[in-house]
């Protein structure tokens, strides 16, 4: 989906994959810090 979207729209989507519980901890840390992912 990311590759096709980039080809069609010239927008690169960098996807990062996480385990469930570490994800919750990391997201709470970065939200509001200016380093949050664009899509979460």
ModelCIF file with pLDDT and N, C-alpha, C, O atoms, coordinates in Angstrom:
data_MODEL
#
_entry.id   MODEL 
#
_entity.id                         1 
_entity.type                       polymer 
_entity.pdbx_number_of_molecules   1 
#
_entity_poly.entity_id                      1 
_entity_poly.type                           'polypeptide(L)' 
_entity_poly.nstd_linkage                   no 
_entity_poly.nstd_monomer                   no 
_entity_poly.pdbx_seq_one_letter_code       
;(UNK)(UNK)(UNK)(UNK)(UNK)(UNK)(UNK)(UNK)(UNK)(UNK)(UNK)(UNK)(UNK)(UNK)(UNK)(UNK)
(UNK)(UNK)(UNK)(UNK)(UNK)(UNK)(UNK)(UNK)(UNK)(UNK)(UNK)(UNK)(UNK)(UNK)(UNK)(UNK)
(UNK)(UNK)(UNK)(UNK)(UNK)(UNK)(UNK)(UNK)
;
_entity_poly.pdbx_seq_one_letter_code_can   XXXXXXXXXXXXXXXXXXXXXXXXXXXXXXXXXXXXXXXX 
_entity_poly.pdbx_strand_id                 A 
#
loop_
_entity_poly_seq.entity_id 
_entity_poly_seq.num 
_entity_poly_seq.mon_id 
_entity_poly_seq.hetero 
1 1  UNK n 
1 2  UNK n 
1 3  UNK n 
1 4  UNK n 
1 5  UNK n 
1 6  UNK n 
1 7  UNK n 
1 8  UNK n 
1 9  UNK n 
1 10 UNK n 
1 11 UNK n 
1 12 UNK n 
1 13 UNK n 
1 14 UNK n 
1 15 UNK n 
1 16 UNK n 
1 17 UNK n 
1 18 UNK n 
1 19 UNK n 
1 20 UNK n 
1 21 UNK n 
1 22 UNK n 
1 23 UNK n 
1 24 UNK n 
1 25 UNK n 
1 26 UNK n 
1 27 UNK n 
1 28 UNK n 
1 29 UNK n 
1 30 UNK n 
1 31 UNK n 
1 32 UNK n 
1 33 UNK n 
1 34 UNK n 
1 35 UNK n 
1 36 UNK n 
1 37 UNK n 
1 38 UNK n 
1 39 UNK n 
1 40 UNK n 
#
_struct_asym.id          A 
_struct_asym.entity_id   1 
#
loop_
_ma_qa_metric.id 
_ma_qa_metric.mode 
_ma_qa_metric.name 
_ma_qa_metric.software_group_id 
_ma_qa_metric.type 
1 global pLDDT . pLDDT 
2 local  pLDDT . pLDDT 
#
_ma_qa_metric_global.metric_id      1 
_ma_qa_metric_global.metric_value   93.25 
_ma_qa_metric_global.model_id       1 
_ma_qa_metric_global.ordinal_id     1 
#
loop_
_ma_qa_metric_local.label_asym_id 
_ma_qa_metric_local.label_comp_id 
_ma_qa_metric_local.label_seq_id 
_ma_qa_metric_local.metric_id 
_ma_qa_metric_local.metric_value 
_ma_qa_metric_local.model_id 
_ma_qa_metric_local.ordinal_id 
A UNK 1  2 97.00 1 1  
A UNK 2  2 97.00 1 2  
A UNK 3  2 97.00 1 3  
A UNK 4  2 97.00 1 4  
A UNK 5  2 97.00 1 5  
A UNK 6  2 96.00 1 6  
A UNK 7  2 96.00 1 7  
A UNK 8  2 95.00 1 8  
A UNK 9  2 96.00 1 9  
A UNK 10 2 95.00 1 10 
A UNK 11 2 97.00 1 11 
A UNK 12 2 97.00 1 12 
A UNK 13 2 97.00 1 13 
A UNK 14 2 97.00 1 14 
A UNK 15 2 96.00 1 15 
A UNK 16 2 95.00 1 16 
A UNK 17 2 93.00 1 17 
A UNK 18 2 92.00 1 18 
A UNK 19 2 89.00 1 19 
A UNK 20 2 85.00 1 20 
A UNK 21 2 84.00 1 21 
A UNK 22 2 89.00 1 22 
A UNK 23 2 93.00 1 23 
A UNK 24 2 89.00 1 24 
A UNK 25 2 90.00 1 25 
A UNK 26 2 93.00 1 26 
A UNK 27 2 94.00 1 27 
A UNK 28 2 91.00 1 28 
A UNK 29 2 92.00 1 29 
A UNK 30 2 94.00 1 30 
A UNK 31 2 92.00 1 31 
A UNK 32 2 81.00 1 32 
A UNK 33 2 86.00 1 33 
A UNK 34 2 85.00 1 34 
A UNK 35 2 91.00 1 35 
A UNK 36 2 95.00 1 36 
A UNK 37 2 97.00 1 37 
A UNK 38 2 98.00 1 38 
A UNK 39 2 98.00 1 39 
A UNK 40 2 97.00 1 40 
#
loop_
_atom_site.group_PDB 
_atom_site.id 
_atom_site.type_symbol 
_atom_site.label_atom_id 
_atom_site.label_alt_id 
_atom_site.label_comp_id 
_atom_site.label_asym_id 
_atom_site.label_entity_id 
_atom_site.label_seq_id 
_atom_site.pdbx_PDB_ins_code 
_atom_site.Cartn_x 
_atom_site.Cartn_y 
_atom_site.Cartn_z 
_atom_site.occupancy 
_atom_site.B_iso_or_equiv 
_atom_site.pdbx_formal_charge 
_atom_site.auth_seq_id 
_atom_site.auth_comp_id 
_atom_site.auth_asym_id 
_atom_site.auth_atom_id 
_atom_site.pdbx_PDB_model_num 
ATOM 1   N N  . UNK A 1 1  ? 0.837  -1.206 0.000  1.00 97.00 ? 1  UNK A N  1 
ATOM 2   C CA . UNK A 1 1  ? 0.000  0.000  0.000  1.00 97.00 ? 1  UNK A CA 1 
ATOM 3   C C  . UNK A 1 1  ? 0.868  1.250  0.000  1.00 97.00 ? 1  UNK A C  1 
ATOM 4   O O  . UNK A 1 1  ? 0.581  2.210  -0.715 1.00 97.00 ? 1  UNK A O  1 
ATOM 5   N N  . UNK A 1 2  ? 1.932  1.238  0.805  1.00 97.00 ? 2  UNK A N  1 
ATOM 6   C CA . UNK A 1 2  ? 2.820  2.400  0.863  1.00 97.00 ? 2  UNK A CA 1 
ATOM 7   C C  . UNK A 1 2  ? 3.524  2.628  -0.473 1.00 97.00 ? 2  UNK A C  1 
ATOM 8   O O  . UNK A 1 2  ? 3.649  3.764  -0.931 1.00 97.00 ? 2  UNK A O  1 
ATOM 9   N N  . UNK A 1 3  ? 3.984  1.536  -1.095 1.00 97.00 ? 3  UNK A N  1 
ATOM 10  C CA . UNK A 1 3  ? 4.678  1.665  -2.377 1.00 97.00 ? 3  UNK A CA 1 
ATOM 11  C C  . UNK A 1 3  ? 3.748  2.197  -3.454 1.00 97.00 ? 3  UNK A C  1 
ATOM 12  O O  . UNK A 1 3  ? 4.127  3.064  -4.241 1.00 97.00 ? 3  UNK A O  1 
ATOM 13  N N  . UNK A 1 4  ? 2.532  1.674  -3.483 1.00 97.00 ? 4  UNK A N  1 
ATOM 14  C CA . UNK A 1 4  ? 1.577  2.125  -4.498 1.00 97.00 ? 4  UNK A CA 1 
ATOM 15  C C  . UNK A 1 4  ? 1.161  3.571  -4.257 1.00 97.00 ? 4  UNK A C  1 
ATOM 16  O O  . UNK A 1 4  ? 1.000  4.342  -5.204 1.00 97.00 ? 4  UNK A O  1 
ATOM 17  N N  . UNK A 1 5  ? 0.988  3.935  -2.996 1.00 97.00 ? 5  UNK A N  1 
ATOM 18  C CA . UNK A 1 5  ? 0.602  5.304  -2.668 1.00 97.00 ? 5  UNK A CA 1 
ATOM 19  C C  . UNK A 1 5  ? 1.701  6.292  -3.046 1.00 97.00 ? 5  UNK A C  1 
ATOM 20  O O  . UNK A 1 5  ? 1.425  7.391  -3.525 1.00 97.00 ? 5  UNK A O  1 
ATOM 21  N N  . UNK A 1 6  ? 2.940  5.889  -2.825 1.00 96.00 ? 6  UNK A N  1 
ATOM 22  C CA . UNK A 1 6  ? 4.048  6.767  -3.206 1.00 96.00 ? 6  UNK A CA 1 
ATOM 23  C C  . UNK A 1 6  ? 4.079  6.957  -4.713 1.00 96.00 ? 6  UNK A C  1 
ATOM 24  O O  . UNK A 1 6  ? 4.264  8.072  -5.200 1.00 96.00 ? 6  UNK A O  1 
ATOM 25  N N  . UNK A 1 7  ? 3.898  5.873  -5.447 1.00 96.00 ? 7  UNK A N  1 
ATOM 26  C CA . UNK A 1 7  ? 3.928  5.966  -6.903 1.00 96.00 ? 7  UNK A CA 1 
ATOM 27  C C  . UNK A 1 7  ? 2.801  6.850  -7.432 1.00 96.00 ? 7  UNK A C  1 
ATOM 28  O O  . UNK A 1 7  ? 2.990  7.603  -8.387 1.00 96.00 ? 7  UNK A O  1 
ATOM 29  N N  . UNK A 1 8  ? 1.652  6.756  -6.818 1.00 95.00 ? 8  UNK A N  1 
ATOM 30  C CA . UNK A 1 8  ? 0.481  7.492  -7.301 1.00 95.00 ? 8  UNK A CA 1 
ATOM 31  C C  . UNK A 1 8  ? 0.446  8.928  -6.798 1.00 95.00 ? 8  UNK A C  1 
ATOM 32  O O  . UNK A 1 8  ? -0.061 9.811  -7.490 1.00 95.00 ? 8  UNK A O  1 
ATOM 33  N N  . UNK A 1 9  ? 0.981  9.175  -5.601 1.00 96.00 ? 9  UNK A N  1 
ATOM 34  C CA . UNK A 1 9  ? 0.830  10.487 -4.972 1.00 96.00 ? 9  UNK A CA 1 
ATOM 35  C C  . UNK A 1 9  ? 2.133  11.205 -4.645 1.00 96.00 ? 9  UNK A C  1 
ATOM 36  O O  . UNK A 1 9  ? 2.124  12.357 -4.213 1.00 96.00 ? 9  UNK A O  1 
ATOM 37  N N  . UNK A 1 10 ? 3.267  10.509 -4.856 1.00 95.00 ? 10 UNK A N  1 
ATOM 38  C CA . UNK A 1 10 ? 4.572  11.082 -4.522 1.00 95.00 ? 10 UNK A CA 1 
ATOM 39  C C  . UNK A 1 10 ? 4.656  11.416 -3.021 1.00 95.00 ? 10 UNK A C  1 
ATOM 40  O O  . UNK A 1 10 ? 5.218  12.437 -2.625 1.00 95.00 ? 10 UNK A O  1 
ATOM 41  N N  . UNK A 1 11 ? 4.085  10.532 -2.211 1.00 97.00 ? 11 UNK A N  1 
ATOM 42  C CA . UNK A 1 11 ? 4.132  10.663 -0.755 1.00 97.00 ? 11 UNK A CA 1 
ATOM 43  C C  . UNK A 1 11 ? 4.700  9.371  -0.189 1.00 97.00 ? 11 UNK A C  1 
ATOM 44  O O  . UNK A 1 11 ? 4.126  8.302  -0.395 1.00 97.00 ? 11 UNK A O  1 
ATOM 45  N N  . UNK A 1 12 ? 5.803  9.452  0.511  1.00 97.00 ? 12 UNK A N  1 
ATOM 46  C CA . UNK A 1 12 ? 6.420  8.282  1.109  1.00 97.00 ? 12 UNK A CA 1 
ATOM 47  C C  . UNK A 1 12 ? 5.822  8.039  2.500  1.00 97.00 ? 12 UNK A C  1 
ATOM 48  O O  . UNK A 1 12 ? 5.757  8.952  3.324  1.00 97.00 ? 12 UNK A O  1 
ATOM 49  N N  . UNK A 1 13 ? 5.389  6.803  2.749  1.00 97.00 ? 13 UNK A N  1 
ATOM 50  C CA . UNK A 1 13 ? 4.834  6.426  4.048  1.00 97.00 ? 13 UNK A CA 1 
ATOM 51  C C  . UNK A 1 13 ? 5.815  5.454  4.703  1.00 97.00 ? 13 UNK A C  1 
ATOM 52  O O  . UNK A 1 13 ? 5.970  4.317  4.259  1.00 97.00 ? 13 UNK A O  1 
ATOM 53  N N  . UNK A 1 14 ? 6.465  5.913  5.749  1.00 97.00 ? 14 UNK A N  1 
ATOM 54  C CA . UNK A 1 14 ? 7.413  5.085  6.492  1.00 97.00 ? 14 UNK A CA 1 
ATOM 55  C C  . UNK A 1 14 ? 6.652  4.387  7.616  1.00 97.00 ? 14 UNK A C  1 
ATOM 56  O O  . UNK A 1 14 ? 6.121  5.038  8.516  1.00 97.00 ? 14 UNK A O  1 
ATOM 57  N N  . UNK A 1 15 ? 6.605  3.052  7.554  1.00 96.00 ? 15 UNK A N  1 
ATOM 58  C CA . UNK A 1 15 ? 5.809  2.272  8.499  1.00 96.00 ? 15 UNK A CA 1 
ATOM 59  C C  . UNK A 1 15 ? 6.723  1.618  9.519  1.00 96.00 ? 15 UNK A C  1 
ATOM 60  O O  . UNK A 1 15 ? 7.700  0.959  9.163  1.00 96.00 ? 15 UNK A O  1 
ATOM 61  N N  . UNK A 1 16 ? 6.395  1.805  10.796 1.00 95.00 ? 16 UNK A N  1 
ATOM 62  C CA . UNK A 1 16 ? 7.149  1.186  11.876 1.00 95.00 ? 16 UNK A CA 1 
ATOM 63  C C  . UNK A 1 16 ? 6.217  0.252  12.648 1.00 95.00 ? 16 UNK A C  1 
ATOM 64  O O  . UNK A 1 16 ? 5.092  0.616  12.992 1.00 95.00 ? 16 UNK A O  1 
ATOM 65  N N  . UNK A 1 17 ? 6.710  -0.959 12.913 1.00 93.00 ? 17 UNK A N  1 
ATOM 66  C CA . UNK A 1 17 ? 5.908  -2.000 13.544 1.00 93.00 ? 17 UNK A CA 1 
ATOM 67  C C  . UNK A 1 17 ? 6.377  -2.226 14.976 1.00 93.00 ? 17 UNK A C  1 
ATOM 68  O O  . UNK A 1 17 ? 7.579  -2.290 15.233 1.00 93.00 ? 17 UNK A O  1 
ATOM 69  N N  . UNK A 1 18 ? 5.427  -2.348 15.916 1.00 92.00 ? 18 UNK A N  1 
ATOM 70  C CA . UNK A 1 18 ? 5.743  -2.460 17.340 1.00 92.00 ? 18 UNK A CA 1 
ATOM 71  C C  . UNK A 1 18 ? 4.999  -3.631 17.973 1.00 92.00 ? 18 UNK A C  1 
ATOM 72  O O  . UNK A 1 18 ? 3.969  -4.077 17.468 1.00 92.00 ? 18 UNK A O  1 
ATOM 73  N N  . UNK A 1 19 ? 5.543  -4.122 19.096 1.00 89.00 ? 19 UNK A N  1 
ATOM 74  C CA . UNK A 1 19 ? 4.779  -5.005 19.969 1.00 89.00 ? 19 UNK A CA 1 
ATOM 75  C C  . UNK A 1 19 ? 3.752  -4.161 20.722 1.00 89.00 ? 19 UNK A C  1 
ATOM 76  O O  . UNK A 1 19 ? 3.925  -2.953 20.882 1.00 89.00 ? 19 UNK A O  1 
ATOM 77  N N  . UNK A 1 20 ? 2.680  -4.811 21.181 1.00 85.00 ? 20 UNK A N  1 
ATOM 78  C CA . UNK A 1 20 ? 1.547  -4.108 21.787 1.00 85.00 ? 20 UNK A CA 1 
ATOM 79  C C  . UNK A 1 20 ? 1.953  -3.232 22.978 1.00 85.00 ? 20 UNK A C  1 
ATOM 80  O O  . UNK A 1 20 ? 1.791  -2.013 22.934 1.00 85.00 ? 20 UNK A O  1 
ATOM 81  N N  . UNK A 1 21 ? 2.478  -3.846 24.034 1.00 84.00 ? 21 UNK A N  1 
ATOM 82  C CA . UNK A 1 21 ? 2.730  -3.098 25.270 1.00 84.00 ? 21 UNK A CA 1 
ATOM 83  C C  . UNK A 1 21 ? 3.845  -2.064 25.129 1.00 84.00 ? 21 UNK A C  1 
ATOM 84  O O  . UNK A 1 21 ? 3.686  -0.946 25.619 1.00 84.00 ? 21 UNK A O  1 
ATOM 85  N N  . UNK A 1 22 ? 4.979  -2.389 24.475 1.00 89.00 ? 22 UNK A N  1 
ATOM 86  C CA . UNK A 1 22 ? 5.997  -1.347 24.262 1.00 89.00 ? 22 UNK A CA 1 
ATOM 87  C C  . UNK A 1 22 ? 5.472  -0.174 23.439 1.00 89.00 ? 22 UNK A C  1 
ATOM 88  O O  . UNK A 1 22 ? 5.878  0.971  23.638 1.00 89.00 ? 22 UNK A O  1 
ATOM 89  N N  . UNK A 1 23 ? 4.564  -0.476 22.513 1.00 93.00 ? 23 UNK A N  1 
ATOM 90  C CA . UNK A 1 23 ? 3.981  0.594  21.703 1.00 93.00 ? 23 UNK A CA 1 
ATOM 91  C C  . UNK A 1 23 ? 3.229  1.593  22.585 1.00 93.00 ? 23 UNK A C  1 
ATOM 92  O O  . UNK A 1 23 ? 3.394  2.803  22.431 1.00 93.00 ? 23 UNK A O  1 
ATOM 93  N N  . UNK A 1 24 ? 2.413  1.097  23.497 1.00 89.00 ? 24 UNK A N  1 
ATOM 94  C CA . UNK A 1 24 ? 1.637  1.991  24.354 1.00 89.00 ? 24 UNK A CA 1 
ATOM 95  C C  . UNK A 1 24 ? 2.548  2.921  25.153 1.00 89.00 ? 24 UNK A C  1 
ATOM 96  O O  . UNK A 1 24 ? 2.276  4.113  25.291 1.00 89.00 ? 24 UNK A O  1 
ATOM 97  N N  . UNK A 1 25 ? 3.628  2.353  25.672 1.00 90.00 ? 25 UNK A N  1 
ATOM 98  C CA . UNK A 1 25 ? 4.572  3.150  26.461 1.00 90.00 ? 25 UNK A CA 1 
ATOM 99  C C  . UNK A 1 25 ? 5.267  4.195  25.604 1.00 90.00 ? 25 UNK A C  1 
ATOM 100 O O  . UNK A 1 25 ? 5.377  5.355  26.000 1.00 90.00 ? 25 UNK A O  1 
ATOM 101 N N  . UNK A 1 26 ? 5.731  3.788  24.443 1.00 93.00 ? 26 UNK A N  1 
ATOM 102 C CA . UNK A 1 26 ? 6.469  4.703  23.567 1.00 93.00 ? 26 UNK A CA 1 
ATOM 103 C C  . UNK A 1 26 ? 5.567  5.826  23.055 1.00 93.00 ? 26 UNK A C  1 
ATOM 104 O O  . UNK A 1 26 ? 5.981  6.984  22.996 1.00 93.00 ? 26 UNK A O  1 
ATOM 105 N N  . UNK A 1 27 ? 4.332  5.479  22.685 1.00 94.00 ? 27 UNK A N  1 
ATOM 106 C CA . UNK A 1 27 ? 3.445  6.515  22.154 1.00 94.00 ? 27 UNK A CA 1 
ATOM 107 C C  . UNK A 1 27 ? 3.157  7.575  23.210 1.00 94.00 ? 27 UNK A C  1 
ATOM 108 O O  . UNK A 1 27 ? 3.167  8.769  22.908 1.00 94.00 ? 27 UNK A O  1 
ATOM 109 N N  . UNK A 1 28 ? 2.902  7.151  24.445 1.00 91.00 ? 28 UNK A N  1 
ATOM 110 C CA . UNK A 1 28 ? 2.625  8.127  25.500 1.00 91.00 ? 28 UNK A CA 1 
ATOM 111 C C  . UNK A 1 28 ? 3.821  9.044  25.724 1.00 91.00 ? 28 UNK A C  1 
ATOM 112 O O  . UNK A 1 28 ? 3.659  10.204 26.104 1.00 91.00 ? 28 UNK A O  1 
ATOM 113 N N  . UNK A 1 29 ? 5.014  8.525  25.488 1.00 92.00 ? 29 UNK A N  1 
ATOM 114 C CA . UNK A 1 29 ? 6.227  9.325  25.673 1.00 92.00 ? 29 UNK A CA 1 
ATOM 115 C C  . UNK A 1 29 ? 6.365  10.401 24.606 1.00 92.00 ? 29 UNK A C  1 
ATOM 116 O O  . UNK A 1 29 ? 6.770  11.526 24.902 1.00 92.00 ? 29 UNK A O  1 
ATOM 117 N N  . UNK A 1 30 ? 6.029  10.058 23.365 1.00 94.00 ? 30 UNK A N  1 
ATOM 118 C CA . UNK A 1 30 ? 6.286  10.996 22.260 1.00 94.00 ? 30 UNK A CA 1 
ATOM 119 C C  . UNK A 1 30 ? 5.113  11.932 21.973 1.00 94.00 ? 30 UNK A C  1 
ATOM 120 O O  . UNK A 1 30 ? 5.307  12.996 21.386 1.00 94.00 ? 30 UNK A O  1 
ATOM 121 N N  . UNK A 1 31 ? 3.903  11.552 22.377 1.00 92.00 ? 31 UNK A N  1 
ATOM 122 C CA . UNK A 1 31 ? 2.758  12.419 22.089 1.00 92.00 ? 31 UNK A CA 1 
ATOM 123 C C  . UNK A 1 31 ? 2.928  13.758 22.804 1.00 92.00 ? 31 UNK A C  1 
ATOM 124 O O  . UNK A 1 31 ? 3.190  13.803 24.006 1.00 92.00 ? 31 UNK A O  1 
ATOM 125 N N  . UNK A 1 32 ? 2.780  14.820 22.069 1.00 81.00 ? 32 UNK A N  1 
ATOM 126 C CA . UNK A 1 32 ? 2.923  16.161 22.629 1.00 81.00 ? 32 UNK A CA 1 
ATOM 127 C C  . UNK A 1 32 ? 4.355  16.637 22.712 1.00 81.00 ? 32 UNK A C  1 
ATOM 128 O O  . UNK A 1 32 ? 4.622  17.734 23.201 1.00 81.00 ? 32 UNK A O  1 
ATOM 129 N N  . UNK A 1 33 ? 5.300  15.803 22.226 1.00 86.00 ? 33 UNK A N  1 
ATOM 130 C CA . UNK A 1 33 ? 6.715  16.173 22.317 1.00 86.00 ? 33 UNK A CA 1 
ATOM 131 C C  . UNK A 1 33 ? 7.249  16.784 21.027 1.00 86.00 ? 33 UNK A C  1 
ATOM 132 O O  . UNK A 1 33 ? 8.391  17.239 20.964 1.00 86.00 ? 33 UNK A O  1 
ATOM 133 N N  . UNK A 1 34 ? 6.392  16.784 19.989 1.00 85.00 ? 34 UNK A N  1 
ATOM 134 C CA . UNK A 1 34 ? 6.851  17.221 18.673 1.00 85.00 ? 34 UNK A CA 1 
ATOM 135 C C  . UNK A 1 34 ? 7.486  16.092 17.882 1.00 85.00 ? 34 UNK A C  1 
ATOM 136 O O  . UNK A 1 34 ? 7.915  16.299 16.747 1.00 85.00 ? 34 UNK A O  1 
ATOM 137 N N  . UNK A 1 35 ? 7.553  14.889 18.468 1.00 91.00 ? 35 UNK A N  1 
ATOM 138 C CA . UNK A 1 35 ? 8.151  13.740 17.793 1.00 91.00 ? 35 UNK A CA 1 
ATOM 139 C C  . UNK A 1 35 ? 7.141  12.611 17.570 1.00 91.00 ? 35 UNK A C  1 
ATOM 140 O O  . UNK A 1 35 ? 7.527  11.469 17.322 1.00 91.00 ? 35 UNK A O  1 
ATOM 141 N N  . UNK A 1 36 ? 5.874  12.929 17.658 1.00 95.00 ? 36 UNK A N  1 
ATOM 142 C CA . UNK A 1 36 ? 4.835  11.918 17.458 1.00 95.00 ? 36 UNK A CA 1 
ATOM 143 C C  . UNK A 1 36 ? 4.793  11.496 15.993 1.00 95.00 ? 36 UNK A C  1 
ATOM 144 O O  . UNK A 1 36 ? 5.095  12.301 15.112 1.00 95.00 ? 36 UNK A O  1 
ATOM 145 N N  . UNK A 1 37 ? 4.421  10.238 15.721 1.00 97.00 ? 37 UNK A N  1 
ATOM 146 C CA . UNK A 1 37 ? 4.240  9.826  14.325 1.00 97.00 ? 37 UNK A CA 1 
ATOM 147 C C  . UNK A 1 37 ? 3.077  10.583 13.707 1.00 97.00 ? 37 UNK A C  1 
ATOM 148 O O  . UNK A 1 37 ? 2.183  11.046 14.415 1.00 97.00 ? 37 UNK A O  1 
ATOM 149 N N  . UNK A 1 38 ? 3.090  10.710 12.386 1.00 98.00 ? 38 UNK A N  1 
ATOM 150 C CA . UNK A 1 38 ? 1.981  11.395 11.713 1.00 98.00 ? 38 UNK A CA 1 
ATOM 151 C C  . UNK A 1 38 ? 0.686  10.607 11.866 1.00 98.00 ? 38 UNK A C  1 
ATOM 152 O O  . UNK A 1 38 ? -0.378 11.185 12.088 1.00 98.00 ? 38 UNK A O  1 
ATOM 153 N N  . UNK A 1 39 ? 0.780  9.292  11.748 1.00 98.00 ? 39 UNK A N  1 
ATOM 154 C CA . UNK A 1 39 ? -0.375 8.398  11.862 1.00 98.00 ? 39 UNK A CA 1 
ATOM 155 C C  . UNK A 1 39 ? -0.047 7.363  12.933 1.00 98.00 ? 39 UNK A C  1 
ATOM 156 O O  . UNK A 1 39 ? 1.030  6.767  12.908 1.00 98.00 ? 39 UNK A O  1 
ATOM 157 N N  . UNK A 1 40 ? -0.963 7.146  13.872 1.00 97.00 ? 40 UNK A N  1 
ATOM 158 C CA . UNK A 1 40 ? -0.676 6.186  14.930 1.00 97.00 ? 40 UNK A CA 1 
ATOM 159 C C  . UNK A 1 40 ? -1.859 5.257  15.188 1.00 97.00 ? 40 UNK A C  1 
ATOM 160 O O  . UNK A 1 40 ? -1.781 4.384  16.053 1.00 97.00 ? 40 UNK A O  1 
#
